[in-house]
Amino acid sequence: MADTDDELVAFETKGAAPLPETTREGFVENEGASIWYASYGSGPAVILLHGGLGNAGNWGYQVPALAAAGWQVVVIDSRGHGRSTRDERPYHYTQMAEDVLAVMDRLELDKAALVGWSDGACTALILADKHPERVSGVFFFACNMDPSGTLEFKPTPVIDRCFSRHRKDYQALSATPDAFDSFVADVSKMMASEPNYTAADLAEIKVPVAVVLGENDEFIMREHAEYLARSIPDAELILLPEVSHFAPLQRPEHFNREVLGFLDRL
């Protein structure tokens, strides 16, 4: 377990902690893509969905802690990310949500809690909206549900280090290792135009949700997180002190404590 990596110096250099060994990993073919997944531990299922441009290995500090607490932990490389492939169609969060459902079906998981980070949070909430019978709750960390929720982009050394790590990981894991720049452009198009949930849409969400944001988030307005917590029925708002968009890497023990607290309340 890392103590702190607030500036992401360690993450840029060597990535997160490596994922544990497992014999339960593979690919699911779904709608023109091969989606990579891995499963660890036993118990009720929790699925971890990483952020845009990242991969499942970004959860290296979370998987052991959740498995040790009695959860079956599933990680997924989103379509076109990490080991997963894609076809020529544009990226859409709704398609990524269907990919998660395909992994759940392969693993015979009737229901799972979802922990989403950035793009993964949006994917998680869309899956919960479309298939509430399959989702026991959503830990929605560091994302927006309409374009008005984002801050003006301002580069920082922390963001640059994260981007550098994402490039290295993509080149090491992807079936198209030379396509990182076009991959970034295509994911960025999705981020700029989706999702587009209204307050009325949010009011229809039927599963427990924690809206979670680091107090120094570089991308998401705090006011937007507060709006989401007001608009989603019975949602709770959790603000994480002294961290930013990268809390699972910066202060993993604190982040894991909040995740486990939410899961215990389901």
C-alpha atoms as a PDB file:
ATOM      1  CA  MET A   1       0.000   0.000   0.000  1.00  0.00           C
ATOM      2  CA  ALA A   2       1.350   3.410  -0.935  1.00  0.00           C
ATOM      3  CA  ASP A   3       1.364   5.959   1.864  1.00  0.00           C
ATOM      4  CA  THR A   4       0.789   9.072  -0.242  1.00  0.00           C
ATOM      5  CA  ASP A   5       1.601  10.028  -3.807  1.00  0.00           C
ATOM      6  CA  ASP A   6      -0.058  13.433  -3.993  1.00  0.00           C
ATOM      7  CA  GLU A   7       2.069  14.598  -6.930  1.00  0.00           C
ATOM      8  CA  LEU A   8       1.828  11.224  -8.768  1.00  0.00           C
ATOM      9  CA  VAL A   9       5.626  10.988  -8.979  1.00  0.00           C
ATOM     10  CA  ALA A  10       5.581   7.294  -8.064  1.00  0.00           C
ATOM     11  CA  PHE A  11       2.639   6.609 -10.380  1.00  0.00           C
ATOM     12  CA  GLU A  12       4.410   8.158 -13.362  1.00  0.00           C
ATOM     13  CA  THR A  13       7.570   6.211 -12.634  1.00  0.00           C
ATOM     14  CA  LYS A  14       6.184   2.738 -11.977  1.00  0.00           C
ATOM     15  CA  GLY A  15       2.393   2.830 -12.048  1.00  0.00           C
ATOM     16  CA  ALA A  16       0.077   1.694  -9.264  1.00  0.00           C
ATOM     17  CA  ALA A  17       0.752  -1.483  -7.300  1.00  0.00           C
ATOM     18  CA  PRO A  18       0.510  -4.496  -9.625  1.00  0.00           C
ATOM     19  CA  LEU A  19      -2.780  -6.352  -9.657  1.00  0.00           C
ATOM     20  CA  PRO A  20      -2.674  -9.664  -7.759  1.00  0.00           C
ATOM     21  CA  GLU A  21      -2.243 -12.947  -9.593  1.00  0.00           C
ATOM     22  CA  THR A  22      -5.478 -14.630 -10.631  1.00  0.00           C
ATOM     23  CA  THR A  23      -6.596 -17.534 -12.770  1.00  0.00           C
ATOM     24  CA  ARG A  24      -9.962 -15.856 -13.327  1.00  0.00           C
ATOM     25  CA  GLU A  25      -9.323 -13.520 -16.221  1.00  0.00           C
ATOM     26  CA  GLY A  26     -10.164 -13.442 -19.873  1.00  0.00           C
ATOM     27  CA  PHE A  27     -11.981 -11.648 -22.679  1.00  0.00           C
ATOM     28  CA  VAL A  28     -15.661 -11.250 -23.487  1.00  0.00           C
ATOM     29  CA  GLU A  29     -16.660 -10.583 -27.088  1.00  0.00           C
ATOM     30  CA  ASN A  30     -19.294  -7.864 -27.197  1.00  0.00           C
ATOM     31  CA  GLU A  31     -20.472  -5.622 -30.016  1.00  0.00           C
ATOM     32  CA  GLY A  32     -17.274  -5.596 -32.044  1.00  0.00           C
ATOM     33  CA  ALA A  33     -14.831  -5.523 -29.129  1.00  0.00           C
ATOM     34  CA  SER A  34     -12.915  -7.935 -26.916  1.00  0.00           C
ATOM     35  CA  ILE A  35     -13.337  -6.765 -23.314  1.00  0.00           C
ATOM     36  CA  TRP A  36     -10.681  -7.885 -20.816  1.00  0.00           C
ATOM     37  CA  TYR A  37     -11.652  -8.640 -17.210  1.00  0.00           C
ATOM     38  CA  ALA A  38     -10.186 -10.236 -14.091  1.00  0.00           C
ATOM     39  CA  SER A  39     -11.770 -11.377 -10.824  1.00  0.00           C
ATOM     40  CA  TYR A  40     -10.281 -11.668  -7.326  1.00  0.00           C
ATOM     41  CA  GLY A  41     -11.540 -12.942  -3.979  1.00  0.00           C
ATOM     42  CA  SER A  42     -14.992 -14.201  -3.082  1.00  0.00           C
ATOM     43  CA  GLY A  43     -18.204 -12.787  -1.669  1.00  0.00           C
ATOM     44  CA  PRO A  44     -20.641 -10.170  -2.940  1.00  0.00           C
ATOM     45  CA  ALA A  45     -19.458  -8.662  -6.218  1.00  0.00           C
ATOM     46  CA  VAL A  46     -17.996  -5.191  -6.667  1.00  0.00           C
ATOM     47  CA  ILE A  47     -16.851  -4.011 -10.089  1.00  0.00           C
ATOM     48  CA  LEU A  48     -14.167  -1.317 -10.409  1.00  0.00           C
ATOM     49  CA  LEU A  49     -14.388   0.884 -13.526  1.00  0.00           C
ATOM     50  CA  HIS A  50     -11.332   3.005 -14.292  1.00  0.00           C
ATOM     51  CA  GLY A  51     -11.148   6.486 -15.780  1.00  0.00           C
ATOM     52  CA  GLY A  52     -10.714   7.632 -19.359  1.00  0.00           C
ATOM     53  CA  LEU A  53      -7.350   6.777 -20.984  1.00  0.00           C
ATOM     54  CA  GLY A  54      -6.478   4.494 -18.038  1.00  0.00           C
ATOM     55  CA  ASN A  55      -6.771   0.768 -17.481  1.00  0.00           C
ATOM     56  CA  ALA A  56      -7.719  -1.736 -14.774  1.00  0.00           C
ATOM     57  CA  GLY A  57      -4.190  -1.665 -13.359  1.00  0.00           C
ATOM     58  CA  ASN A  58      -4.925   1.805 -11.988  1.00  0.00           C
ATOM     59  CA  TRP A  59      -6.892   0.002  -9.243  1.00  0.00           C
ATOM     60  CA  GLY A  60      -3.815  -1.806  -7.899  1.00  0.00           C
ATOM     61  CA  TYR A  61      -4.166  -0.245  -4.420  1.00  0.00           C
ATOM     62  CA  GLN A  62      -7.891  -1.032  -4.205  1.00  0.00           C
ATOM     63  CA  VAL A  63      -8.208  -4.659  -5.320  1.00  0.00           C
ATOM     64  CA  PRO A  64      -6.339  -6.302  -2.390  1.00  0.00           C
ATOM     65  CA  ALA A  65      -8.089  -4.154   0.215  1.00  0.00           C
ATOM     66  CA  LEU A  66     -11.565  -4.942  -1.112  1.00  0.00           C
ATOM     67  CA  ALA A  67     -10.832  -8.640  -1.572  1.00  0.00           C
ATOM     68  CA  ALA A  68      -9.462  -8.839   1.990  1.00  0.00           C
ATOM     69  CA  ALA A  69     -12.712  -7.271   3.230  1.00  0.00           C
ATOM     70  CA  GLY A  70     -14.768 -10.129   1.795  1.00  0.00           C
ATOM     71  CA  TRP A  71     -15.694  -8.936  -1.692  1.00  0.00           C
ATOM     72  CA  GLN A  72     -15.376 -10.558  -5.082  1.00  0.00           C
ATOM     73  CA  VAL A  73     -13.559  -7.783  -6.925  1.00  0.00           C
ATOM     74  CA  VAL A  74     -13.881  -7.535 -10.709  1.00  0.00           C
ATOM     75  CA  VAL A  75     -11.794  -5.161 -12.809  1.00  0.00           C
ATOM     76  CA  ILE A  76     -12.422  -4.390 -16.473  1.00  0.00           C
ATOM     77  CA  ASP A  77     -10.394  -2.654 -19.163  1.00  0.00           C
ATOM     78  CA  SER A  78     -12.928  -0.384 -20.851  1.00  0.00           C
ATOM     79  CA  ARG A  79     -13.471  -0.732 -24.592  1.00  0.00           C
ATOM     80  CA  GLY A  80     -10.317   0.358 -26.443  1.00  0.00           C
ATOM     81  CA  HIS A  81      -8.408   0.829 -23.171  1.00  0.00           C
ATOM     82  CA  GLY A  82      -5.692  -1.393 -21.761  1.00  0.00           C
ATOM     83  CA  ARG A  83      -5.974  -4.929 -23.161  1.00  0.00           C
ATOM     84  CA  SER A  84      -9.491  -4.429 -24.536  1.00  0.00           C
ATOM     85  CA  THR A  85     -10.014  -3.783 -28.225  1.00  0.00           C
ATOM     86  CA  ARG A  86     -12.540  -1.683 -30.115  1.00  0.00           C
ATOM     87  CA  ASP A  87     -14.025  -1.407 -33.564  1.00  0.00           C
ATOM     88  CA  GLU A  88     -14.209   1.705 -35.733  1.00  0.00           C
ATOM     89  CA  ARG A  89     -17.346   3.148 -34.130  1.00  0.00           C
ATOM     90  CA  PRO A  90     -17.118   6.245 -31.913  1.00  0.00           C
ATOM     91  CA  TYR A  91     -16.916   5.791 -28.162  1.00  0.00           C
ATOM     92  CA  HIS A  92     -20.167   6.044 -26.179  1.00  0.00           C
ATOM     93  CA  TYR A  93     -20.702   5.611 -22.446  1.00  0.00           C
ATOM     94  CA  THR A  94     -23.881   3.629 -23.081  1.00  0.00           C
ATOM     95  CA  GLN A  95     -21.862   1.080 -25.066  1.00  0.00           C
ATOM     96  CA  MET A  96     -19.298   0.844 -22.269  1.00  0.00           C
ATOM     97  CA  ALA A  97     -22.139   0.165 -19.835  1.00  0.00           C
ATOM     98  CA  GLU A  98     -23.316  -2.696 -22.044  1.00  0.00           C
ATOM     99  CA  ASP A  99     -19.760  -4.067 -22.050  1.00  0.00           C
ATOM    100  CA  VAL A 100     -19.850  -4.200 -18.248  1.00  0.00           C
ATOM    101  CA  LEU A 101     -23.141  -6.068 -18.421  1.00  0.00           C
ATOM    102  CA  ALA A 102     -21.562  -8.586 -20.814  1.00  0.00           C
ATOM    103  CA  VAL A 103     -18.759  -9.229 -18.292  1.00  0.00           C
ATOM    104  CA  MET A 104     -21.334  -9.670 -15.523  1.00  0.00           C
ATOM    105  CA  ASP A 105     -23.163 -12.217 -17.656  1.00  0.00           C
ATOM    106  CA  ARG A 106     -19.933 -14.108 -18.368  1.00  0.00           C
ATOM    107  CA  LEU A 107     -19.140 -14.255 -14.643  1.00  0.00           C
ATOM    108  CA  GLU A 108     -22.777 -15.126 -13.834  1.00  0.00           C
ATOM    109  CA  LEU A 109     -23.161 -12.108 -11.554  1.00  0.00           C
ATOM    110  CA  ASP A 110     -26.820 -11.355 -11.052  1.00  0.00           C
ATOM    111  CA  LYS A 111     -26.002  -8.139  -9.216  1.00  0.00           C
ATOM    112  CA  ALA A 112     -22.933  -6.066  -8.320  1.00  0.00           C
ATOM    113  CA  ALA A 113     -21.936  -2.844  -6.652  1.00  0.00           C
ATOM    114  CA  LEU A 114     -20.072  -0.468  -8.956  1.00  0.00           C
ATOM    115  CA  VAL A 115     -17.139   1.775  -8.080  1.00  0.00           C
ATOM    116  CA  GLY A 116     -16.508   4.206 -10.914  1.00  0.00           C
ATOM    117  CA  TRP A 117     -13.713   6.709 -11.317  1.00  0.00           C
ATOM    118  CA  SER A 118     -14.178   9.604 -13.765  1.00  0.00           C
ATOM    119  CA  ASP A 119     -15.395   8.075 -17.076  1.00  0.00           C
ATOM    120  CA  GLY A 120     -15.940   4.843 -15.167  1.00  0.00           C
ATOM    121  CA  ALA A 121     -18.305   6.641 -12.789  1.00  0.00           C
ATOM    122  CA  CYS A 122     -20.416   7.863 -15.667  1.00  0.00           C
ATOM    123  CA  THR A 123     -20.473   4.358 -17.143  1.00  0.00           C
ATOM    124  CA  ALA A 124     -21.505   2.954 -13.755  1.00  0.00           C
ATOM    125  CA  LEU A 125     -24.385   5.380 -13.268  1.00  0.00           C
ATOM    126  CA  ILE A 126     -25.677   4.809 -16.794  1.00  0.00           C
ATOM    127  CA  LEU A 127     -25.640   1.048 -16.191  1.00  0.00           C
ATOM    128  CA  ALA A 128     -27.501   1.572 -12.914  1.00  0.00           C
ATOM    129  CA  ASP A 129     -30.055   3.732 -14.713  1.00  0.00           C
ATOM    130  CA  LYS A 130     -30.602   1.294 -17.581  1.00  0.00           C
ATOM    131  CA  HIS A 131     -30.425  -1.928 -15.541  1.00  0.00           C
ATOM    132  CA  PRO A 132     -31.180  -1.132 -11.875  1.00  0.00           C
ATOM    133  CA  GLU A 133     -31.994  -4.776 -11.177  1.00  0.00           C
ATOM    134  CA  ARG A 134     -28.318  -5.641 -11.806  1.00  0.00           C
ATOM    135  CA  VAL A 135     -26.736  -2.899  -9.652  1.00  0.00           C
ATOM    136  CA  SER A 136     -26.787  -2.768  -5.843  1.00  0.00           C
ATOM    137  CA  GLY A 137     -25.190   0.684  -5.601  1.00  0.00           C
ATOM    138  CA  VAL A 138     -22.819   3.159  -7.278  1.00  0.00           C
ATOM    139  CA  PHE A 139     -19.771   4.851  -5.748  1.00  0.00           C
ATOM    140  CA  PHE A 140     -19.591   7.725  -8.248  1.00  0.00           C
ATOM    141  CA  PHE A 141     -16.152   9.315  -7.987  1.00  0.00           C
ATOM    142  CA  ALA A 142     -15.017  12.422  -9.863  1.00  0.00           C
ATOM    143  CA  CYS A 143     -17.259  12.768 -12.878  1.00  0.00           C
ATOM    144  CA  ASN A 144     -19.989  14.856 -14.450  1.00  0.00           C
ATOM    145  CA  MET A 145     -23.347  13.814 -15.875  1.00  0.00           C
ATOM    146  CA  ASP A 146     -23.733  16.735 -18.271  1.00  0.00           C
ATOM    147  CA  PRO A 147     -21.147  18.980 -19.973  1.00  0.00           C
ATOM    148  CA  SER A 148     -21.850  21.951 -17.677  1.00  0.00           C
ATOM    149  CA  GLY A 149     -20.203  20.130 -14.765  1.00  0.00           C
ATOM    150  CA  THR A 150     -16.613  20.427 -15.931  1.00  0.00           C
ATOM    151  CA  LEU A 151     -14.003  23.053 -15.144  1.00  0.00           C
ATOM    152  CA  GLU A 152     -11.957  24.803 -17.817  1.00  0.00           C
ATOM    153  CA  PHE A 153      -8.971  22.558 -18.534  1.00  0.00           C
ATOM    154  CA  LYS A 154      -5.704  23.817 -17.087  1.00  0.00           C
ATOM    155  CA  PRO A 155      -2.592  21.636 -17.404  1.00  0.00           C
ATOM    156  CA  THR A 156      -0.732  20.848 -14.194  1.00  0.00           C
ATOM    157  CA  PRO A 157       2.349  18.737 -13.414  1.00  0.00           C
ATOM    158  CA  VAL A 158       0.097  16.135 -11.763  1.00  0.00           C
ATOM    159  CA  ILE A 159      -2.077  15.820 -14.873  1.00  0.00           C
ATOM    160  CA  ASP A 160       1.020  15.643 -17.065  1.00  0.00           C
ATOM    161  CA  ARG A 161       2.462  12.806 -14.960  1.00  0.00           C
ATOM    162  CA  CYS A 162      -0.790  10.860 -15.123  1.00  0.00           C
ATOM    163  CA  PHE A 163      -0.980  11.345 -18.897  1.00  0.00           C
ATOM    164  CA  SER A 164       2.622  10.170 -19.239  1.00  0.00           C
ATOM    165  CA  ARG A 165       1.811   6.984 -17.309  1.00  0.00           C
ATOM    166  CA  HIS A 166      -1.289   6.384 -19.432  1.00  0.00           C
ATOM    167  CA  ARG A 167       0.808   6.631 -22.605  1.00  0.00           C
ATOM    168  CA  LYS A 168       3.355   4.108 -21.286  1.00  0.00           C
ATOM    169  CA  ASP A 169       0.647   1.691 -20.167  1.00  0.00           C
ATOM    170  CA  TYR A 170      -1.254   1.956 -23.441  1.00  0.00           C
ATOM    171  CA  GLN A 171       1.878   1.198 -25.428  1.00  0.00           C
ATOM    172  CA  ALA A 172       2.618  -1.794 -23.184  1.00  0.00           C
ATOM    173  CA  LEU A 173      -0.884  -3.309 -23.085  1.00  0.00           C
ATOM    174  CA  SER A 174      -2.796  -2.343 -26.209  1.00  0.00           C
ATOM    175  CA  ALA A 175      -3.203  -4.437 -29.333  1.00  0.00           C
ATOM    176  CA  THR A 176      -2.635  -1.144 -31.210  1.00  0.00           C
ATOM    177  CA  PRO A 177       0.331   0.289 -29.274  1.00  0.00           C
ATOM    178  CA  ASP A 178       1.128   2.983 -31.844  1.00  0.00           C
ATOM    179  CA  ALA A 179      -2.390   4.449 -31.829  1.00  0.00           C
ATOM    180  CA  PHE A 180      -2.281   6.344 -28.509  1.00  0.00           C
ATOM    181  CA  ASP A 181      -2.749   9.819 -30.008  1.00  0.00           C
ATOM    182  CA  SER A 182      -5.806   8.853 -32.051  1.00  0.00           C
ATOM    183  CA  PHE A 183      -7.147   6.942 -29.025  1.00  0.00           C
ATOM    184  CA  VAL A 184      -6.874  10.124 -26.926  1.00  0.00           C
ATOM    185  CA  ALA A 185      -8.604  12.153 -29.622  1.00  0.00           C
ATOM    186  CA  ASP A 186     -11.484   9.695 -29.899  1.00  0.00           C
ATOM    187  CA  VAL A 187     -12.032   9.423 -26.128  1.00  0.00           C
ATOM    188  CA  SER A 188     -11.837  13.219 -25.840  1.00  0.00           C
ATOM    189  CA  LYS A 189     -14.655  13.590 -28.391  1.00  0.00           C
ATOM    190  CA  MET A 190     -16.873  11.448 -26.190  1.00  0.00           C
ATOM    191  CA  MET A 191     -15.928  13.376 -23.047  1.00  0.00           C
ATOM    192  CA  ALA A 192     -16.754  16.696 -24.743  1.00  0.00           C
ATOM    193  CA  SER A 193     -20.236  15.673 -25.829  1.00  0.00           C
ATOM    194  CA  GLU A 194     -21.459  13.090 -23.293  1.00  0.00           C
ATOM    195  CA  PRO A 195     -23.201  12.336 -21.002  1.00  0.00           C
ATOM    196  CA  ASN A 196     -26.281  14.563 -21.181  1.00  0.00           C
ATOM    197  CA  TYR A 197     -28.436  13.660 -18.196  1.00  0.00           C
ATOM    198  CA  THR A 198     -31.020  16.207 -17.072  1.00  0.00           C
ATOM    199  CA  ALA A 199     -32.192  16.684 -13.495  1.00  0.00           C
ATOM    200  CA  ALA A 200     -35.326  14.747 -14.462  1.00  0.00           C
ATOM    201  CA  ASP A 201     -33.172  11.865 -15.711  1.00  0.00           C
ATOM    202  CA  LEU A 202     -31.175  11.831 -12.470  1.00  0.00           C
ATOM    203  CA  ALA A 203     -34.390  11.784 -10.460  1.00  0.00           C
ATOM    204  CA  GLU A 204     -35.245   8.421 -12.046  1.00  0.00           C
ATOM    205  CA  ILE A 205     -32.175   6.620 -10.701  1.00  0.00           C
ATOM    206  CA  LYS A 206     -33.330   3.880  -8.356  1.00  0.00           C
ATOM    207  CA  VAL A 207     -30.151   2.544  -6.682  1.00  0.00           C
ATOM    208  CA  PRO A 208     -28.108   3.894  -3.748  1.00  0.00           C
ATOM    209  CA  VAL A 209     -25.483   6.388  -4.930  1.00  0.00           C
ATOM    210  CA  ALA A 210     -22.575   8.128  -3.253  1.00  0.00           C
ATOM    211  CA  VAL A 211     -21.381  11.189  -5.181  1.00  0.00           C
ATOM    212  CA  VAL A 212     -17.711  11.552  -4.281  1.00  0.00           C
ATOM    213  CA  LEU A 213     -15.235  14.301  -5.144  1.00  0.00           C
ATOM    214  CA  GLY A 214     -11.744  15.298  -4.079  1.00  0.00           C
ATOM    215  CA  GLU A 215     -11.669  18.835  -2.758  1.00  0.00           C
ATOM    216  CA  ASN A 216      -8.916  19.732  -5.269  1.00  0.00           C
ATOM    217  CA  ASP A 217     -10.390  18.020  -8.329  1.00  0.00           C
ATOM    218  CA  GLU A 218      -8.893  19.450 -11.527  1.00  0.00           C
ATOM    219  CA  PHE A 219     -11.815  18.613 -13.829  1.00  0.00           C
ATOM    220  CA  ILE A 220     -15.170  18.564 -11.996  1.00  0.00           C
ATOM    221  CA  MET A 221     -16.974  21.481 -10.352  1.00  0.00           C
ATOM    222  CA  ARG A 222     -17.851  20.979  -6.711  1.00  0.00           C
ATOM    223  CA  GLU A 223     -21.176  22.659  -7.448  1.00  0.00           C
ATOM    224  CA  HIS A 224     -21.905  19.936  -9.985  1.00  0.00           C
ATOM    225  CA  ALA A 225     -21.229  17.193  -7.442  1.00  0.00           C
ATOM    226  CA  GLU A 226     -23.569  18.942  -5.017  1.00  0.00           C
ATOM    227  CA  TYR A 227     -26.213  19.210  -7.756  1.00  0.00           C
ATOM    228  CA  LEU A 228     -25.902  15.484  -8.517  1.00  0.00           C
ATOM    229  CA  ALA A 229     -26.293  14.601  -4.848  1.00  0.00           C
ATOM    230  CA  ARG A 230     -29.431  16.764  -4.650  1.00  0.00           C
ATOM    231  CA  SER A 231     -30.913  15.409  -7.878  1.00  0.00           C
ATOM    232  CA  ILE A 232     -30.377  11.669  -7.399  1.00  0.00           C
ATOM    233  CA  PRO A 233     -32.910  10.318  -4.890  1.00  0.00           C
ATOM    234  CA  ASP A 234     -31.370   9.712  -1.457  1.00  0.00           C
ATOM    235  CA  ALA A 235     -27.813  10.148  -2.754  1.00  0.00           C
ATOM    236  CA  GLU A 236     -25.054  11.043  -0.318  1.00  0.00           C
ATOM    237  CA  LEU A 237     -22.244  13.538  -0.970  1.00  0.00           C
ATOM    238  CA  ILE A 238     -18.714  12.661   0.141  1.00  0.00           C
ATOM    239  CA  LEU A 239     -15.919  15.236  -0.166  1.00  0.00           C
ATOM    240  CA  LEU A 240     -12.382  13.889   0.146  1.00  0.00           C
ATOM    241  CA  PRO A 241      -9.916  16.362   1.710  1.00  0.00           C
ATOM    242  CA  GLU A 242      -6.394  17.038   0.404  1.00  0.00           C
ATOM    243  CA  VAL A 243      -6.791  15.018  -2.798  1.00  0.00           C
ATOM    244  CA  SER A 244      -7.778  15.673  -6.385  1.00  0.00           C
ATOM    245  CA  HIS A 245      -9.096  13.716  -9.375  1.00  0.00           C
ATOM    246  CA  PHE A 246      -6.524  11.030  -8.614  1.00  0.00           C
ATOM    247  CA  ALA A 247      -7.429  10.157  -5.012  1.00  0.00           C
ATOM    248  CA  PRO A 248      -7.249   6.348  -5.472  1.00  0.00           C
ATOM    249  CA  LEU A 249      -3.550   6.819  -6.256  1.00  0.00           C
ATOM    250  CA  GLN A 250      -2.792   9.814  -4.027  1.00  0.00           C
ATOM    251  CA  ARG A 251      -4.269   8.599  -0.726  1.00  0.00           C
ATOM    252  CA  PRO A 252      -5.370   4.987  -1.298  1.00  0.00           C
ATOM    253  CA  GLU A 253      -6.031   4.153   2.354  1.00  0.00           C
ATOM    254  CA  HIS A 254      -8.430   7.075   2.700  1.00  0.00           C
ATOM    255  CA  PHE A 255     -10.133   6.305  -0.602  1.00  0.00           C
ATOM    256  CA  ASN A 256     -10.493   2.607   0.274  1.00  0.00           C
ATOM    257  CA  ARG A 257     -11.995   3.468   3.660  1.00  0.00           C
ATOM    258  CA  GLU A 258     -14.712   5.539   1.972  1.00  0.00           C
ATOM    259  CA  VAL A 259     -15.431   2.822  -0.596  1.00  0.00           C
ATOM    260  CA  LEU A 260     -15.714   0.125   2.078  1.00  0.00           C
ATOM    261  CA  GLY A 261     -17.923   2.364   4.197  1.00  0.00           C
ATOM    262  CA  PHE A 262     -20.291   2.838   1.281  1.00  0.00           C
ATOM    263  CA  LEU A 263     -20.328  -0.869   0.456  1.00  0.00           C
ATOM    264  CA  ASP A 264     -21.091  -1.702   4.075  1.00  0.00           C
ATOM    265  CA  ARG A 265     -24.149   0.574   3.916  1.00  0.00           C
ATOM    266  CA  LEU A 266     -25.697  -1.224   0.954  1.00  0.00           C
END
